[in-house]
Amino acid sequence: MRKRILWIFALAAVVALVAVYVHERNKHKPPPYAFQTEPVKKRHIVGRVTATGTLLATVTVQVGTQVSGRIQKLFADYNSEVKKGQIVAKIDPILYQASLDNAKANFAQAKAQVESAKATAELDKKLYARELALQKDNLASQQDVETAETNMSVAEANVNVAKATLAQQEAQLHTAEANLMYTDIISPINGTVISRNVDVGQTVAASLAAPTLFTVAEDLHKMQVNTNIAEGDVGRLEVGMDATFTVDAFPGRTFKGKISQIRNAATTLQNVVTYDAVIDVVNDDLKLRPSMTANSTVVYAEKDDVLSVSNAAMRFRPPPEMTAPEGSGSAGEHHRHEHGERGQPDAKESAARDGDASRGERSHTDGKTVWVEKDGLATPVHVRIGLTDGSYTEVMGRNIHEGEEVIVDATPTGKPSGGGGGPGGGSGAQRRMFF
């Protein structure tokens, strides 16, 4: 009986110890989520618009041909420097020379016909005058006079027909001369050949549209970048803004330019609307080449020493079990107690707050919510936002202060690293609280 009593007491003691252990463990149990925070700091914020574009010569001319034929000679090649009026290619002129010779012969014949018609008209005119004189002496009948008059009128009409035929043949002669002239392909500008699309012996056809034989860039010392700016960013850009860009051919080197034009014509691709912003570039060392891909950046705003938080804090959204009840111990109330009890802000504070908003980027002054930790729960803080650089965003408002810790992430705690049933998922992955 004594041993049984001892066993009972021992068992009771063990149960009591287990109960105390469980109680203490639950008492000091870590929160179900671990918060990762970052402080609110004053930073230098630079607003940028980035876009990808293509380098092009400022003036590019496509040199084509207005006549068809076989390429007889080429006088220019890739990268050739050409002058205005210089022959860059020659089309075989044999057929066009034959057409010109035929047009010359037809023109000469028409010219002779005009002279013949004039001589006939002059003769008929004299005959008509003779018949009139004979009629006065009653030596010619009225019928003879009328016949002579009609012959004179017909002869004069034949002169006009011959002149019209001469003008027609003259026009055909000019056409044949022009076609022969067009067998010489000339450069319309001073520049550099950046593309050649034909070879000697190749036949080109100009029946419907003039085929492009060469592409000539006027001056490669002056180039431009045609960038595609998203419609959400085009309102931030203005003509005259400075721009920088890089090209893959020269990593680590930054080139400078200036926006010269923002075109109103939009391009829509898969429901994405973009606008063409033209950046003028000086290419003195000729390092830049046409059709290079340029990654351009335009700084549209810049601010020093402004309160800012990381964009991760803007994106953070806690689950319901992590949040404090609305209105219970909020961060705004905490700051009101910390800085003195105040009801509505006075006029001076309102003016200062309105001034902060006016200094912010207009397109980014809508309200946002960041979260701070209080008593192990995420508490919302409502702020106004201003300029952003993609990583950090300017924040304004009476409830946000420098040095305050804002939540950027939260991960479940107390879960086994290899468990598959917790909020973090399988393989030890921890869920991030972002939308």
Protein backbone atom coordinates (compact mmCIF):
# COMPACT_ATOMS: atom_id res chain seq x y z
CA MET A 1 0.00 0.00 0.00
CA ARG A 2 2.87 2.37 0.83
CA LYS A 3 4.52 1.70 -2.56
CA ARG A 4 1.25 2.33 -4.34
CA ILE A 5 0.85 5.65 -2.55
CA LEU A 6 4.41 6.58 -3.47
CA TRP A 7 3.69 5.73 -7.12
CA ILE A 8 0.57 7.85 -7.05
CA PHE A 9 2.45 10.82 -5.59
CA ALA A 10 5.25 10.36 -8.14
CA LEU A 11 2.75 10.24 -11.03
CA ALA A 12 1.00 13.33 -9.71
CA ALA A 13 4.32 15.15 -9.49
CA VAL A 14 5.15 14.22 -13.08
CA VAL A 15 1.76 15.43 -14.29
CA ALA A 16 2.23 18.67 -12.38
CA LEU A 17 5.68 19.19 -13.87
CA VAL A 18 4.32 18.53 -17.38
CA ALA A 19 1.49 20.97 -16.79
CA VAL A 20 3.90 23.66 -15.57
CA TYR A 21 6.16 23.03 -18.57
CA VAL A 22 3.29 23.31 -21.05
CA HIS A 23 2.02 26.44 -19.34
CA GLU A 24 5.42 28.14 -19.40
CA ARG A 25 5.97 27.08 -23.01
CA ASN A 26 2.64 28.53 -24.09
CA LYS A 27 3.32 31.64 -22.05
CA HIS A 28 6.60 32.33 -23.84
CA LYS A 29 5.50 30.96 -27.21
CA PRO A 30 6.84 33.09 -30.08
CA PRO A 31 4.31 34.85 -32.31
CA PRO A 32 2.99 32.78 -35.24
CA TYR A 33 4.67 35.16 -37.73
CA ALA A 34 8.06 36.86 -37.76
CA PHE A 35 8.03 40.41 -39.14
CA GLN A 36 10.80 41.78 -41.30
CA THR A 37 11.00 45.56 -41.09
CA GLU A 38 12.90 48.46 -42.57
CA PRO A 39 13.22 51.97 -41.16
CA VAL A 40 11.67 55.08 -42.68
CA LYS A 41 14.61 57.18 -43.85
CA LYS A 42 15.34 60.41 -45.67
CA ARG A 43 16.71 59.57 -49.08
CA HIS A 44 17.61 61.07 -52.41
CA ILE A 45 14.82 60.02 -54.79
CA VAL A 46 15.25 60.20 -58.56
CA GLY A 47 12.25 59.60 -60.81
CA ARG A 48 13.23 57.87 -64.05
CA VAL A 49 11.51 56.67 -67.19
CA THR A 50 13.27 53.80 -68.94
CA ALA A 51 12.59 52.55 -72.44
CA THR A 52 14.20 50.57 -75.21
CA GLY A 53 14.75 52.14 -78.61
CA THR A 54 16.66 51.89 -81.86
CA LEU A 55 19.48 54.10 -83.09
CA LEU A 56 18.91 55.65 -86.50
CA ALA A 57 20.58 58.29 -88.63
CA THR A 58 18.80 61.63 -88.42
CA VAL A 59 18.21 61.65 -92.21
CA THR A 60 18.09 58.36 -94.11
CA VAL A 61 17.28 58.17 -97.83
CA GLN A 62 16.41 55.06 -99.79
CA VAL A 63 17.90 55.26 -103.26
CA GLY A 64 15.79 53.43 -105.85
CA THR A 65 15.33 53.25 -109.61
CA GLN A 66 12.53 54.49 -111.82
CA VAL A 67 13.38 52.19 -114.74
CA SER A 68 13.78 48.44 -115.01
CA GLY A 69 16.82 46.64 -116.29
CA ARG A 70 19.99 44.75 -115.50
CA ILE A 71 22.57 46.24 -113.14
CA GLN A 72 25.63 46.87 -115.31
CA LYS A 73 27.99 48.48 -112.78
CA LEU A 74 28.15 49.41 -109.11
CA PHE A 75 30.12 52.46 -108.02
CA ALA A 76 29.39 52.28 -104.26
CA ASP A 77 29.40 49.60 -101.58
CA TYR A 78 28.69 49.28 -97.85
CA ASN A 79 30.15 52.17 -95.82
CA SER A 80 31.07 54.12 -98.98
CA GLU A 81 31.11 57.88 -98.64
CA VAL A 82 29.05 59.40 -101.46
CA LYS A 83 28.38 62.94 -102.64
CA LYS A 84 25.16 64.47 -103.89
CA GLY A 85 24.80 63.75 -107.62
CA GLN A 86 27.41 60.98 -107.62
CA ILE A 87 26.61 57.89 -109.73
CA VAL A 88 26.32 54.88 -107.42
CA ALA A 89 25.05 52.31 -109.94
CA LYS A 90 24.45 51.92 -113.69
CA ILE A 91 21.60 50.06 -115.40
CA ASP A 92 22.33 48.61 -118.84
CA PRO A 93 21.22 51.45 -121.20
CA ILE A 94 21.03 49.53 -124.53
CA LEU A 95 17.23 49.30 -124.71
CA TYR A 96 16.75 52.86 -123.52
CA GLN A 97 19.30 54.16 -126.02
CA ALA A 98 17.40 52.38 -128.81
CA SER A 99 14.15 53.92 -127.60
CA LEU A 100 15.79 57.33 -127.63
CA ASP A 101 17.05 56.87 -131.19
CA ASN A 102 13.57 55.82 -132.32
CA ALA A 103 12.02 58.84 -130.59
CA LYS A 104 14.53 61.13 -132.31
CA ALA A 105 13.63 59.68 -135.71
CA ASN A 106 9.90 60.06 -135.07
CA PHE A 107 10.45 63.62 -133.95
CA ALA A 108 12.40 64.45 -137.10
CA GLN A 109 9.65 62.92 -139.25
CA ALA A 110 6.95 64.90 -137.47
CA LYS A 111 8.98 68.06 -137.90
CA ALA A 112 9.23 67.43 -141.66
CA GLN A 113 5.50 66.82 -141.86
CA VAL A 114 4.88 70.19 -140.31
CA GLU A 115 7.01 71.87 -142.98
CA SER A 116 5.18 69.93 -145.72
CA ALA A 117 1.79 70.91 -144.34
CA LYS A 118 2.86 74.54 -144.16
CA ALA A 119 3.98 74.47 -147.82
CA THR A 120 0.67 72.92 -148.92
CA ALA A 121 -1.28 75.48 -146.93
CA GLU A 122 0.71 78.30 -148.50
CA LEU A 123 0.01 76.95 -152.00
CA ASP A 124 -3.73 76.58 -151.34
CA LYS A 125 -3.81 80.11 -150.01
CA LYS A 126 -2.33 81.45 -153.26
CA LEU A 127 -4.77 79.39 -155.35
CA TYR A 128 -7.67 80.83 -153.42
CA ALA A 129 -6.40 84.37 -154.01
CA ARG A 130 -6.05 83.66 -157.78
CA GLU A 131 -9.61 82.32 -157.99
CA LEU A 132 -10.90 85.48 -156.35
CA ALA A 133 -9.06 87.63 -158.92
CA LEU A 134 -10.41 85.60 -161.84
CA GLN A 135 -13.95 85.86 -160.44
CA LYS A 136 -13.73 89.65 -160.57
CA ASP A 137 -13.02 89.38 -164.33
CA ASN A 138 -15.82 86.82 -164.72
CA LEU A 139 -13.23 84.18 -165.64
CA ALA A 140 -13.93 81.85 -162.65
CA SER A 141 -17.17 80.48 -161.35
CA GLN A 142 -18.40 80.71 -157.80
CA GLN A 143 -17.93 76.97 -157.41
CA ASP A 144 -14.22 77.28 -158.30
CA VAL A 145 -13.80 79.98 -155.66
CA GLU A 146 -15.53 77.94 -152.96
CA THR A 147 -13.47 74.87 -153.83
CA ALA A 148 -10.25 76.86 -153.53
CA GLU A 149 -11.39 78.33 -150.19
CA THR A 150 -12.17 74.85 -148.83
CA ASN A 151 -8.79 73.49 -149.91
CA MET A 152 -7.07 76.39 -148.15
CA SER A 153 -8.97 75.72 -144.88
CA VAL A 154 -8.14 72.00 -145.02
CA ALA A 155 -4.47 72.79 -145.60
CA GLU A 156 -4.40 75.12 -142.58
CA ALA A 157 -6.03 72.39 -140.46
CA ASN A 158 -3.41 69.90 -141.66
CA VAL A 159 -0.72 72.30 -140.45
CA ASN A 160 -2.26 72.26 -136.95
CA VAL A 161 -2.47 68.44 -137.02
CA ALA A 162 1.17 68.22 -138.03
CA LYS A 163 2.17 70.59 -135.21
CA ALA A 164 0.24 68.49 -132.66
CA THR A 165 1.96 65.34 -133.93
CA LEU A 166 5.30 67.14 -133.62
CA ALA A 167 4.53 68.09 -129.99
CA GLN A 168 3.57 64.49 -129.22
CA GLN A 169 6.79 63.16 -130.71
CA GLU A 170 8.76 65.78 -128.81
CA ALA A 171 7.19 64.59 -125.54
CA GLN A 172 8.07 61.00 -126.36
CA LEU A 173 11.61 62.14 -127.14
CA HIS A 174 11.88 63.79 -123.70
CA THR A 175 10.53 60.60 -122.08
CA ALA A 176 13.14 58.50 -123.86
CA GLU A 177 15.88 60.93 -122.82
CA ALA A 178 14.67 60.82 -119.18
CA ASN A 179 14.55 57.00 -119.17
CA LEU A 180 18.09 56.89 -120.52
CA MET A 181 19.17 59.37 -117.87
CA TYR A 182 17.53 57.26 -115.14
CA THR A 183 19.84 54.38 -116.00
CA ASP A 184 22.41 56.35 -114.00
CA ILE A 185 21.48 55.83 -110.32
CA ILE A 186 22.70 58.88 -108.41
CA SER A 187 22.89 59.73 -104.73
CA PRO A 188 20.43 62.49 -103.73
CA ILE A 189 22.44 63.54 -100.65
CA ASN A 190 25.91 63.58 -99.16
CA GLY A 191 26.26 60.66 -96.81
CA THR A 192 27.32 57.11 -96.11
CA VAL A 193 25.95 53.97 -97.72
CA ILE A 194 24.60 51.79 -94.90
CA SER A 195 22.82 49.23 -97.08
CA ARG A 196 23.25 47.78 -100.58
CA ASN A 197 20.51 45.51 -101.90
CA VAL A 198 21.69 44.66 -105.47
CA ASP A 199 24.66 43.04 -107.22
CA VAL A 200 26.09 43.36 -110.71
CA GLY A 201 24.02 41.38 -113.21
CA GLN A 202 20.87 41.48 -111.10
CA THR A 203 17.68 42.58 -112.85
CA VAL A 204 15.49 45.12 -111.10
CA ALA A 205 11.85 45.76 -111.98
CA ALA A 206 10.21 49.15 -111.42
CA SER A 207 6.78 48.35 -112.83
CA LEU A 208 4.77 48.94 -109.64
CA ALA A 209 7.13 50.53 -107.11
CA ALA A 210 10.68 51.78 -107.20
CA PRO A 211 12.91 49.04 -105.75
CA THR A 212 15.45 50.16 -103.14
CA LEU A 213 19.03 49.71 -104.31
CA PHE A 214 20.91 51.61 -101.57
CA THR A 215 20.16 53.19 -98.21
CA VAL A 216 22.19 56.34 -97.56
CA ALA A 217 22.52 58.03 -94.17
CA GLU A 218 23.14 61.74 -94.50
CA ASP A 219 25.41 62.30 -91.47
CA LEU A 220 26.32 59.61 -88.94
CA HIS A 221 27.78 62.29 -86.66
CA LYS A 222 24.19 63.19 -85.77
CA MET A 223 21.89 60.32 -84.85
CA GLN A 224 18.66 59.78 -82.98
CA VAL A 225 17.12 57.15 -80.72
CA ASN A 226 13.48 56.26 -81.38
CA THR A 227 12.13 54.95 -78.07
CA ASN A 228 8.77 53.38 -77.23
CA ILE A 229 7.38 55.14 -74.14
CA ALA A 230 4.46 53.55 -72.29
CA GLU A 231 1.32 55.67 -72.10
CA GLY A 232 1.63 55.73 -68.30
CA ASP A 233 5.04 57.44 -68.55
CA VAL A 234 4.63 59.71 -71.57
CA GLY A 235 3.00 62.43 -69.46
CA ARG A 236 6.18 62.77 -67.39
CA LEU A 237 8.36 63.61 -70.39
CA GLU A 238 8.86 66.95 -72.11
CA VAL A 239 10.81 68.13 -75.13
CA GLY A 240 14.27 69.33 -74.07
CA MET A 241 14.78 66.86 -71.22
CA ASP A 242 18.22 65.28 -70.93
CA ALA A 243 18.47 61.56 -71.56
CA THR A 244 21.13 58.88 -71.24
CA PHE A 245 21.36 55.47 -72.86
CA THR A 246 23.61 52.46 -73.19
CA VAL A 247 24.25 50.00 -76.00
CA ASP A 248 25.38 46.41 -75.79
CA ALA A 249 28.38 47.09 -78.01
CA PHE A 250 29.99 49.32 -75.36
CA PRO A 251 29.14 47.97 -71.90
CA GLY A 252 29.88 50.36 -69.08
CA ARG A 253 29.73 53.46 -71.29
CA THR A 254 26.86 55.91 -71.05
CA PHE A 255 25.88 58.13 -73.96
CA LYS A 256 24.01 61.39 -73.61
CA GLY A 257 21.21 62.93 -75.63
CA LYS A 258 18.21 65.25 -75.46
CA ILE A 259 14.54 64.69 -76.22
CA SER A 260 13.71 66.57 -79.43
CA GLN A 261 10.23 65.25 -80.14
CA ILE A 262 7.39 63.30 -78.54
CA ARG A 263 5.20 62.11 -81.37
CA ASN A 264 1.42 62.00 -81.00
CA ALA A 265 1.02 58.95 -83.21
CA ALA A 266 0.51 55.96 -80.94
CA THR A 267 1.48 52.36 -81.53
CA THR A 268 -0.79 49.63 -80.13
CA LEU A 269 0.59 46.12 -79.78
CA GLN A 270 -1.36 43.49 -77.84
CA ASN A 271 -3.44 46.23 -76.19
CA VAL A 272 -0.27 48.03 -75.02
CA VAL A 273 -0.12 51.66 -76.17
CA THR A 274 3.26 53.32 -76.64
CA TYR A 275 4.45 56.65 -78.02
CA ASP A 276 7.64 57.44 -79.91
CA ALA A 277 10.02 59.80 -78.12
CA VAL A 278 12.94 60.92 -80.29
CA ILE A 279 16.29 61.51 -78.56
CA ASP A 280 18.91 63.46 -80.52
CA VAL A 281 22.48 62.18 -80.09
CA VAL A 282 25.86 63.60 -81.08
CA ASN A 283 28.07 60.81 -82.44
CA ASP A 284 31.39 62.58 -82.93
CA ASP A 285 33.56 59.48 -82.55
CA LEU A 286 31.26 57.39 -84.81
CA LYS A 287 31.09 54.64 -82.22
CA LEU A 288 27.32 54.40 -82.53
CA ARG A 289 25.95 52.58 -85.55
CA PRO A 290 22.47 52.51 -87.10
CA SER A 291 20.01 49.91 -85.79
CA MET A 292 21.80 49.43 -82.45
CA THR A 293 19.47 48.76 -79.52
CA ALA A 294 19.59 51.58 -76.99
CA ASN A 295 18.44 51.23 -73.38
CA SER A 296 17.50 54.81 -72.57
CA THR A 297 16.79 56.55 -69.27
CA VAL A 298 15.18 59.95 -68.74
CA VAL A 299 15.25 61.67 -65.33
CA TYR A 300 11.98 63.60 -64.97
CA ALA A 301 12.16 64.59 -61.27
CA GLU A 302 14.63 64.58 -58.38
CA LYS A 303 14.25 65.27 -54.65
CA ASP A 304 16.73 65.40 -51.75
CA ASP A 305 16.16 64.42 -48.12
CA VAL A 306 12.58 63.22 -48.38
CA LEU A 307 11.02 60.59 -46.14
CA SER A 308 10.76 57.35 -48.04
CA VAL A 309 9.98 53.67 -47.61
CA SER A 310 10.83 50.72 -49.78
CA ASN A 311 8.32 49.63 -52.37
CA ALA A 312 8.21 46.27 -50.62
CA ALA A 313 6.49 48.04 -47.71
CA MET A 314 3.95 49.45 -50.16
CA ARG A 315 3.20 46.02 -51.54
CA PHE A 316 2.96 44.24 -48.18
CA ARG A 317 -0.52 43.05 -47.21
CA PRO A 318 -0.90 41.03 -43.99
CA PRO A 319 -3.40 38.21 -43.56
CA PRO A 320 -6.37 38.93 -41.27
CA GLU A 321 -4.92 36.99 -38.33
CA MET A 322 -1.90 39.32 -38.25
CA THR A 323 -3.75 42.62 -38.19
CA ALA A 324 -4.90 44.69 -35.27
CA PRO A 325 -8.62 45.56 -35.07
CA GLU A 326 -9.38 48.81 -36.86
CA GLY A 327 -9.31 51.74 -34.43
CA SER A 328 -7.77 49.77 -31.54
CA GLY A 329 -4.33 51.07 -30.77
CA SER A 330 -3.62 52.21 -34.32
CA ALA A 331 -0.37 53.80 -35.25
CA GLY A 332 -2.11 57.14 -35.71
CA GLU A 333 -3.42 57.00 -32.13
CA HIS A 334 0.02 55.95 -30.92
CA HIS A 335 1.57 59.01 -32.53
CA ARG A 336 -1.13 61.29 -31.23
CA HIS A 337 -0.30 60.16 -27.68
CA GLU A 338 3.41 60.44 -28.39
CA HIS A 339 3.22 63.97 -29.80
CA GLY A 340 0.37 65.31 -27.73
CA GLU A 341 -3.40 64.97 -27.81
CA ARG A 342 -4.86 66.85 -30.75
CA GLY A 343 -8.17 66.64 -32.48
CA GLN A 344 -8.35 68.07 -35.93
CA PRO A 345 -5.08 69.54 -37.27
CA ASP A 346 -4.76 73.29 -37.03
CA ALA A 347 -4.57 75.57 -40.06
CA LYS A 348 -0.78 75.79 -39.98
CA GLU A 349 -0.39 71.99 -39.98
CA SER A 350 -2.95 71.64 -42.80
CA ALA A 351 -1.08 74.19 -44.88
CA ALA A 352 2.18 72.35 -44.32
CA ARG A 353 0.57 69.06 -45.28
CA ASP A 354 -0.94 70.60 -48.43
CA GLY A 355 2.47 72.00 -49.28
CA ASP A 356 3.97 68.53 -48.96
CA ALA A 357 1.35 67.16 -51.32
CA SER A 358 1.92 69.89 -53.89
CA ARG A 359 5.64 69.20 -53.89
CA GLY A 360 5.02 65.51 -54.56
CA GLU A 361 4.76 64.01 -58.00
CA ARG A 362 1.21 64.80 -59.10
CA SER A 363 0.62 61.44 -60.66
CA HIS A 364 1.53 59.67 -57.41
CA THR A 365 -0.34 61.61 -54.70
CA ASP A 366 -2.99 58.99 -54.03
CA GLY A 367 -3.28 57.43 -50.60
CA LYS A 368 -1.51 54.24 -49.60
CA THR A 369 -1.19 52.12 -46.50
CA VAL A 370 1.97 50.83 -44.84
CA TRP A 371 2.08 48.57 -41.81
CA VAL A 372 3.99 48.78 -38.53
CA GLU A 373 4.30 46.19 -35.77
CA LYS A 374 2.60 46.84 -32.44
CA ASP A 375 2.03 44.21 -29.75
CA GLY A 376 2.89 41.47 -32.24
CA LEU A 377 0.27 42.59 -34.77
CA ALA A 378 0.44 44.55 -38.01
CA THR A 379 -1.11 48.00 -37.62
CA PRO A 380 -1.99 50.17 -40.66
CA VAL A 381 -0.57 53.64 -41.21
CA HIS A 382 -2.19 55.73 -43.94
CA VAL A 383 0.20 57.92 -45.93
CA ARG A 384 0.32 59.95 -49.11
CA ILE A 385 2.98 59.04 -51.62
CA GLY A 386 5.04 61.20 -53.94
CA LEU A 387 8.04 60.55 -56.15
CA THR A 388 9.31 57.01 -56.65
CA ASP A 389 12.45 55.58 -58.20
CA GLY A 390 11.15 52.04 -58.51
CA SER A 391 12.80 50.86 -55.26
CA TYR A 392 11.83 53.56 -52.77
CA THR A 393 8.85 55.90 -52.64
CA GLU A 394 8.43 59.29 -50.98
CA VAL A 395 5.81 59.24 -48.20
CA MET A 396 4.02 62.19 -46.59
CA GLY A 397 1.63 62.53 -43.68
CA ARG A 398 1.44 63.31 -39.98
CA ASN A 399 1.35 59.60 -39.03
CA ILE A 400 4.71 58.63 -40.53
CA HIS A 401 8.04 59.65 -39.00
CA GLU A 402 11.71 59.17 -39.67
CA GLY A 403 13.18 56.09 -38.02
CA GLU A 404 9.87 54.28 -37.70
CA GLU A 405 10.03 50.61 -38.66
CA VAL A 406 7.62 49.54 -41.38
CA ILE A 407 6.90 45.92 -42.25
CA VAL A 408 8.19 44.68 -45.59
CA ASP A 409 7.57 40.95 -45.11
CA ALA A 410 6.25 38.37 -42.66
CA THR A 411 6.99 34.65 -42.53
CA PRO A 412 5.41 31.86 -40.46
CA THR A 413 7.41 30.73 -37.40
CA GLY A 414 7.55 27.48 -35.46
CA LYS A 415 7.03 25.31 -38.55
CA PRO A 416 9.38 22.42 -39.40
CA SER A 417 11.67 23.23 -42.30
CA GLY A 418 10.59 20.18 -44.28
CA GLY A 419 6.88 20.22 -43.34
CA GLY A 420 4.26 20.28 -46.00
CA GLY A 421 1.16 21.22 -44.03
CA GLY A 422 1.97 24.69 -42.75
CA PRO A 423 1.29 28.08 -44.36
CA GLY A 424 4.72 28.13 -45.90
CA GLY A 425 4.02 25.15 -48.17
CA GLY A 426 6.41 22.28 -48.89
CA SER A 427 10.21 22.08 -48.85
CA GLY A 428 10.55 24.71 -46.15
CA ALA A 429 9.23 27.52 -48.40
CA GLN A 430 8.00 30.51 -46.41
CA ARG A 431 5.01 32.43 -47.71
CA ARG A 432 5.59 36.11 -48.47
CA MET A 433 2.71 38.43 -47.62
CA PHE A 434 2.47 40.32 -50.90
CA PHE A 435 -0.36 40.65 -53.38
